[in-house]
Amino acid sequence: MTQFFNKTEYKALRKKLRNNPTKSEKLLWNAIKGKKFKGHKFRRQYNVGKYMIDFYCVKENLAVELDGEVHDSAEAKEYDQIRDDFLKNFGIKVVRIRNVDVECDPDGVLDFILRNMEK
């Protein structure tokens, strides 16, 4: 059977991304790691197929993506849509959060994530 989740070939990339997080990734990870977020376990830099997810709650099938300005271009939006559709085919709900929101309103971001878990 083909391995589709956390493929071995992406292990080095996952490690590199975990060791070099953005400011927003650090802030959010500190708020949700170790089941701190309502008892939910999140994994960071988790891949499904060729796509890397910033944060993934396996139990809830919820992917949390943090987006900076690079995601504002038409090309990036098209890529993100293809990626999100791919993940949805695996039953994974994708929520996108702006980096600026994590930095300016972390409590609001956590509420947003929780509301999406409850849907």
Foldseek 3Di string as FASTA:
>chain_A
DDDFKQDPVCVVVLVVCVVDDDPLLVLVCVCCDPCNQVNFHKDAQIGGHPDTAGIAGPVLLEGEAEDEPVCVDPVNVVVVVVVQVVSVVVVHHYDYHYSVCSVPPVVVVSVVVVVVSVD
